[in-house]
């Protein structure tokens, strides 16, 4: 985990601020943390069936990299309007990319159908205890590097990162 100072923000809050640069992670975001931990805990039988995910970008790349590192076949459903760089990166990490629907919700529904039809394991972007635990490793690293931290601010989309970091920091 890399920490960066933020003078402009320190001036606004009148105190020290450290930013965690998760954009420097392999695959470009914190999403690899949860995807890797979730896939690493699969049984050999589950790994043999492969994994499936739905994402417009960051989770797609996290699943693709994690699956590649762990030798698991990954299929990722992306909305038809997914950005070309995100699609290319996901393909570059070895995932089979399939386009479905105009929204992420439609892509997720198709990924769930794919999992049901093929036996592939769905790697949800935030709604699974292993994904939350994997993303929570960020909180453990924050506490190890900044044991006297008083406030931790976490961005929130689906809530997996927030849940994991909050659990780790509170513990």
C-alpha atoms as a PDB file:
ATOM      1  CA  UNK A   1       0.000   0.000   0.000  1.00  0.00           C
ATOM      2  CA  UNK A   2       1.392   3.373  -1.000  1.00  0.00           C
ATOM      3  CA  UNK A   3       0.548   6.510   0.944  1.00  0.00           C
ATOM      4  CA  UNK A   4       0.691   9.995  -0.492  1.00  0.00           C
ATOM      5  CA  UNK A   5       0.479  13.332   1.239  1.00  0.00           C
ATOM      6  CA  UNK A   6      -2.156  15.839   0.195  1.00  0.00           C
ATOM      7  CA  UNK A   7      -1.120  19.378   1.087  1.00  0.00           C
ATOM      8  CA  UNK A   8      -4.154  20.927  -0.575  1.00  0.00           C
ATOM      9  CA  UNK A   9      -6.458  18.747   1.513  1.00  0.00           C
ATOM     10  CA  UNK A  10      -4.457  19.247   4.705  1.00  0.00           C
ATOM     11  CA  UNK A  11      -4.972  22.997   4.321  1.00  0.00           C
ATOM     12  CA  UNK A  12      -8.729  22.508   4.045  1.00  0.00           C
ATOM     13  CA  UNK A  13      -9.055  20.215   7.077  1.00  0.00           C
ATOM     14  CA  UNK A  14      -6.282  21.830   9.141  1.00  0.00           C
ATOM     15  CA  UNK A  15      -4.512  18.567   9.838  1.00  0.00           C
ATOM     16  CA  UNK A  16      -2.481  15.726   8.370  1.00  0.00           C
ATOM     17  CA  UNK A  17      -3.983  13.741   5.493  1.00  0.00           C
ATOM     18  CA  UNK A  18      -2.670  10.600   3.818  1.00  0.00           C
ATOM     19  CA  UNK A  19      -4.199   9.224   0.644  1.00  0.00           C
ATOM     20  CA  UNK A  20      -3.964   5.540  -0.217  1.00  0.00           C
ATOM     21  CA  UNK A  21      -3.040   5.213  -3.869  1.00  0.00           C
ATOM     22  CA  UNK A  22      -4.957   2.066  -4.774  1.00  0.00           C
ATOM     23  CA  UNK A  23      -4.845   3.216  -8.402  1.00  0.00           C
ATOM     24  CA  UNK A  24      -1.262   1.903  -8.342  1.00  0.00           C
ATOM     25  CA  UNK A  25      -2.485  -1.628  -7.646  1.00  0.00           C
ATOM     26  CA  UNK A  26      -2.105  -4.208 -10.374  1.00  0.00           C
ATOM     27  CA  UNK A  27      -5.266  -3.758 -12.476  1.00  0.00           C
ATOM     28  CA  UNK A  28      -5.564  -0.139 -11.314  1.00  0.00           C
ATOM     29  CA  UNK A  29      -7.899  -0.309  -8.324  1.00  0.00           C
ATOM     30  CA  UNK A  30      -8.663  -1.940  -4.985  1.00  0.00           C
ATOM     31  CA  UNK A  31     -10.963  -4.429  -6.717  1.00  0.00           C
ATOM     32  CA  UNK A  32      -8.184  -6.997  -7.135  1.00  0.00           C
ATOM     33  CA  UNK A  33      -8.068  -7.387  -3.335  1.00  0.00           C
ATOM     34  CA  UNK A  34     -11.582  -8.798  -3.042  1.00  0.00           C
ATOM     35  CA  UNK A  35     -11.506 -10.745  -6.297  1.00  0.00           C
ATOM     36  CA  UNK A  36      -8.205 -12.415  -5.487  1.00  0.00           C
ATOM     37  CA  UNK A  37      -9.227 -13.419  -1.982  1.00  0.00           C
ATOM     38  CA  UNK A  38     -12.608 -14.749  -3.161  1.00  0.00           C
ATOM     39  CA  UNK A  39     -11.098 -16.814  -5.989  1.00  0.00           C
ATOM     40  CA  UNK A  40      -8.223 -18.048  -3.821  1.00  0.00           C
ATOM     41  CA  UNK A  41     -10.728 -19.604  -1.396  1.00  0.00           C
ATOM     42  CA  UNK A  42     -12.541 -21.642  -4.061  1.00  0.00           C
ATOM     43  CA  UNK A  43     -12.247 -25.411  -3.988  1.00  0.00           C
ATOM     44  CA  UNK A  44     -10.411 -27.211  -6.774  1.00  0.00           C
ATOM     45  CA  UNK A  45     -13.783 -28.300  -8.169  1.00  0.00           C
ATOM     46  CA  UNK A  46     -15.075 -24.728  -8.200  1.00  0.00           C
ATOM     47  CA  UNK A  47     -11.889 -23.460  -9.834  1.00  0.00           C
ATOM     48  CA  UNK A  48     -12.233 -26.083 -12.536  1.00  0.00           C
ATOM     49  CA  UNK A  49     -15.690 -24.686 -13.415  1.00  0.00           C
ATOM     50  CA  UNK A  50     -14.268 -21.169 -13.779  1.00  0.00           C
ATOM     51  CA  UNK A  51     -15.525 -17.844 -12.512  1.00  0.00           C
ATOM     52  CA  UNK A  52     -17.883 -15.254 -13.918  1.00  0.00           C
ATOM     53  CA  UNK A  53     -18.325 -11.594 -13.096  1.00  0.00           C
ATOM     54  CA  UNK A  54     -20.122  -8.505 -14.307  1.00  0.00           C
ATOM     55  CA  UNK A  55     -18.479  -5.104 -14.404  1.00  0.00           C
ATOM     56  CA  UNK A  56     -18.055  -1.970 -16.466  1.00  0.00           C
ATOM     57  CA  UNK A  57     -14.345  -1.953 -15.703  1.00  0.00           C
ATOM     58  CA  UNK A  58     -12.496  -2.079 -12.388  1.00  0.00           C
ATOM     59  CA  UNK A  59     -14.024  -5.281 -11.017  1.00  0.00           C
ATOM     60  CA  UNK A  60     -13.656  -6.858 -14.463  1.00  0.00           C
ATOM     61  CA  UNK A  61      -9.942  -6.164 -14.418  1.00  0.00           C
ATOM     62  CA  UNK A  62      -9.553  -7.313 -10.811  1.00  0.00           C
ATOM     63  CA  UNK A  63     -11.288 -10.619 -11.533  1.00  0.00           C
ATOM     64  CA  UNK A  64      -9.312 -11.098 -14.748  1.00  0.00           C
ATOM     65  CA  UNK A  65      -5.945 -10.526 -13.047  1.00  0.00           C
ATOM     66  CA  UNK A  66      -6.829 -12.643 -10.008  1.00  0.00           C
ATOM     67  CA  UNK A  67      -8.097 -15.492 -12.182  1.00  0.00           C
ATOM     68  CA  UNK A  68      -4.978 -15.324 -14.340  1.00  0.00           C
ATOM     69  CA  UNK A  69      -2.695 -15.427 -11.289  1.00  0.00           C
ATOM     70  CA  UNK A  70      -4.613 -18.375  -9.842  1.00  0.00           C
ATOM     71  CA  UNK A  71      -4.968 -20.297 -13.113  1.00  0.00           C
ATOM     72  CA  UNK A  72      -8.750 -20.039 -13.316  1.00  0.00           C
ATOM     73  CA  UNK A  73     -10.818 -19.353 -16.437  1.00  0.00           C
ATOM     74  CA  UNK A  74     -12.719 -16.063 -16.152  1.00  0.00           C
ATOM     75  CA  UNK A  75     -15.736 -14.868 -18.096  1.00  0.00           C
ATOM     76  CA  UNK A  76     -16.741 -11.240 -17.619  1.00  0.00           C
ATOM     77  CA  UNK A  77     -20.009  -9.693 -18.767  1.00  0.00           C
ATOM     78  CA  UNK A  78     -19.727  -5.999 -19.528  1.00  0.00           C
ATOM     79  CA  UNK A  79     -22.414  -3.524 -20.561  1.00  0.00           C
ATOM     80  CA  UNK A  80     -22.426  -2.748 -24.269  1.00  0.00           C
ATOM     81  CA  UNK A  81     -21.200   0.784 -23.556  1.00  0.00           C
ATOM     82  CA  UNK A  82     -18.144  -0.224 -21.524  1.00  0.00           C
ATOM     83  CA  UNK A  83     -15.123   1.922 -22.271  1.00  0.00           C
ATOM     84  CA  UNK A  84     -12.609   0.558 -24.754  1.00  0.00           C
ATOM     85  CA  UNK A  85      -9.588   0.858 -22.407  1.00  0.00           C
ATOM     86  CA  UNK A  86     -11.404  -1.118 -19.674  1.00  0.00           C
ATOM     87  CA  UNK A  87     -12.461  -3.780 -22.176  1.00  0.00           C
ATOM     88  CA  UNK A  88      -8.966  -4.029 -23.659  1.00  0.00           C
ATOM     89  CA  UNK A  89      -7.352  -4.278 -20.225  1.00  0.00           C
ATOM     90  CA  UNK A  90      -9.773  -7.026 -19.164  1.00  0.00           C
ATOM     91  CA  UNK A  91      -9.061  -8.951 -22.366  1.00  0.00           C
ATOM     92  CA  UNK A  92      -5.341  -8.359 -21.882  1.00  0.00           C
ATOM     93  CA  UNK A  93      -5.516 -10.006 -18.471  1.00  0.00           C
ATOM     94  CA  UNK A  94      -6.957 -13.110 -20.110  1.00  0.00           C
ATOM     95  CA  UNK A  95     -10.697 -12.931 -19.431  1.00  0.00           C
ATOM     96  CA  UNK A  96     -13.342 -13.915 -21.948  1.00  0.00           C
ATOM     97  CA  UNK A  97     -15.338 -10.683 -22.321  1.00  0.00           C
ATOM     98  CA  UNK A  98     -18.985 -10.833 -23.329  1.00  0.00           C
ATOM     99  CA  UNK A  99     -21.172  -7.798 -23.843  1.00  0.00           C
ATOM    100  CA  UNK A 100     -24.704  -7.839 -22.526  1.00  0.00           C
ATOM    101  CA  UNK A 101     -27.221  -5.102 -21.835  1.00  0.00           C
ATOM    102  CA  UNK A 102     -27.018  -1.371 -21.548  1.00  0.00           C
ATOM    103  CA  UNK A 103     -26.535  -1.314 -17.768  1.00  0.00           C
ATOM    104  CA  UNK A 104     -24.428  -3.072 -15.194  1.00  0.00           C
ATOM    105  CA  UNK A 105     -27.581  -4.524 -13.624  1.00  0.00           C
ATOM    106  CA  UNK A 106     -28.410  -6.222 -16.939  1.00  0.00           C
ATOM    107  CA  UNK A 107     -24.852  -7.538 -17.234  1.00  0.00           C
ATOM    108  CA  UNK A 108     -25.001  -8.864 -13.663  1.00  0.00           C
ATOM    109  CA  UNK A 109     -28.290 -10.650 -14.336  1.00  0.00           C
ATOM    110  CA  UNK A 110     -26.713 -12.303 -17.390  1.00  0.00           C
ATOM    111  CA  UNK A 111     -23.629 -13.292 -15.361  1.00  0.00           C
ATOM    112  CA  UNK A 112     -25.942 -14.891 -12.784  1.00  0.00           C
ATOM    113  CA  UNK A 113     -27.703 -16.831 -15.573  1.00  0.00           C
ATOM    114  CA  UNK A 114     -24.313 -17.902 -16.945  1.00  0.00           C
ATOM    115  CA  UNK A 115     -23.268 -19.122 -13.493  1.00  0.00           C
ATOM    116  CA  UNK A 116     -26.507 -21.079 -13.145  1.00  0.00           C
ATOM    117  CA  UNK A 117     -26.183 -22.621 -16.621  1.00  0.00           C
ATOM    118  CA  UNK A 118     -22.465 -23.493 -16.514  1.00  0.00           C
ATOM    119  CA  UNK A 119     -21.596 -23.946 -12.848  1.00  0.00           C
ATOM    120  CA  UNK A 120     -19.094 -21.086 -12.981  1.00  0.00           C
ATOM    121  CA  UNK A 121     -18.733 -19.311  -9.635  1.00  0.00           C
ATOM    122  CA  UNK A 122     -20.087 -15.762  -9.574  1.00  0.00           C
ATOM    123  CA  UNK A 123     -17.555 -13.299  -8.215  1.00  0.00           C
ATOM    124  CA  UNK A 124     -19.807 -10.468  -7.088  1.00  0.00           C
ATOM    125  CA  UNK A 125     -18.177  -7.032  -7.013  1.00  0.00           C
ATOM    126  CA  UNK A 126     -19.072  -6.377  -3.375  1.00  0.00           C
ATOM    127  CA  UNK A 127     -21.797  -8.635  -1.980  1.00  0.00           C
ATOM    128  CA  UNK A 128     -19.852 -11.627  -0.636  1.00  0.00           C
ATOM    129  CA  UNK A 129     -18.034 -12.098   2.701  1.00  0.00           C
ATOM    130  CA  UNK A 130     -14.776 -13.135   0.988  1.00  0.00           C
ATOM    131  CA  UNK A 131     -14.824 -10.097  -1.301  1.00  0.00           C
ATOM    132  CA  UNK A 132     -15.429  -7.840   1.685  1.00  0.00           C
ATOM    133  CA  UNK A 133     -12.642  -9.556   3.651  1.00  0.00           C
ATOM    134  CA  UNK A 134     -10.237  -9.178   0.743  1.00  0.00           C
ATOM    135  CA  UNK A 135     -11.054  -5.521   0.333  1.00  0.00           C
ATOM    136  CA  UNK A 136     -10.757  -5.133   4.095  1.00  0.00           C
ATOM    137  CA  UNK A 137      -7.039  -5.911   3.886  1.00  0.00           C
ATOM    138  CA  UNK A 138      -6.693  -2.249   2.988  1.00  0.00           C
ATOM    139  CA  UNK A 139      -7.952  -1.364   6.466  1.00  0.00           C
ATOM    140  CA  UNK A 140      -5.427  -3.706   8.063  1.00  0.00           C
ATOM    141  CA  UNK A 141      -2.627  -2.057   6.081  1.00  0.00           C
ATOM    142  CA  UNK A 142      -3.816   1.408   7.083  1.00  0.00           C
ATOM    143  CA  UNK A 143      -3.776   0.430  10.754  1.00  0.00           C
ATOM    144  CA  UNK A 144      -0.332  -1.159  10.436  1.00  0.00           C
ATOM    145  CA  UNK A 145       1.187   1.910   8.762  1.00  0.00           C
ATOM    146  CA  UNK A 146      -0.806   4.553  10.654  1.00  0.00           C
ATOM    147  CA  UNK A 147      -1.655   3.039  14.051  1.00  0.00           C
ATOM    148  CA  UNK A 148      -2.678   6.412  15.504  1.00  0.00           C
ATOM    149  CA  UNK A 149      -5.046   7.334  12.679  1.00  0.00           C
ATOM    150  CA  UNK A 150      -8.161   9.077  13.985  1.00  0.00           C
ATOM    151  CA  UNK A 151     -10.369   9.216  10.902  1.00  0.00           C
ATOM    152  CA  UNK A 152     -10.527   6.977   7.843  1.00  0.00           C
ATOM    153  CA  UNK A 153     -12.606   8.164   4.898  1.00  0.00           C
ATOM    154  CA  UNK A 154     -13.569   5.533   2.329  1.00  0.00           C
ATOM    155  CA  UNK A 155     -15.198   6.066  -1.045  1.00  0.00           C
ATOM    156  CA  UNK A 156     -18.374   4.096  -1.498  1.00  0.00           C
ATOM    157  CA  UNK A 157     -20.043   2.487  -4.474  1.00  0.00           C
ATOM    158  CA  UNK A 158     -21.504  -0.920  -3.670  1.00  0.00           C
ATOM    159  CA  UNK A 159     -20.125  -0.823  -0.139  1.00  0.00           C
ATOM    160  CA  UNK A 160     -17.733  -3.790  -0.145  1.00  0.00           C
ATOM    161  CA  UNK A 161     -14.622  -1.669   0.365  1.00  0.00           C
ATOM    162  CA  UNK A 162     -16.310   0.418   3.039  1.00  0.00           C
ATOM    163  CA  UNK A 163     -17.585  -2.681   4.885  1.00  0.00           C
ATOM    164  CA  UNK A 164     -14.189  -4.398   4.762  1.00  0.00           C
ATOM    165  CA  UNK A 165     -12.178  -1.350   5.808  1.00  0.00           C
ATOM    166  CA  UNK A 166     -14.634  -0.462   8.571  1.00  0.00           C
ATOM    167  CA  UNK A 167     -14.490  -4.000   9.953  1.00  0.00           C
ATOM    168  CA  UNK A 168     -10.696  -4.081   9.867  1.00  0.00           C
ATOM    169  CA  UNK A 169     -10.265  -0.615  11.396  1.00  0.00           C
ATOM    170  CA  UNK A 170     -12.876  -1.206  14.101  1.00  0.00           C
ATOM    171  CA  UNK A 171     -11.312  -4.562  14.988  1.00  0.00           C
END
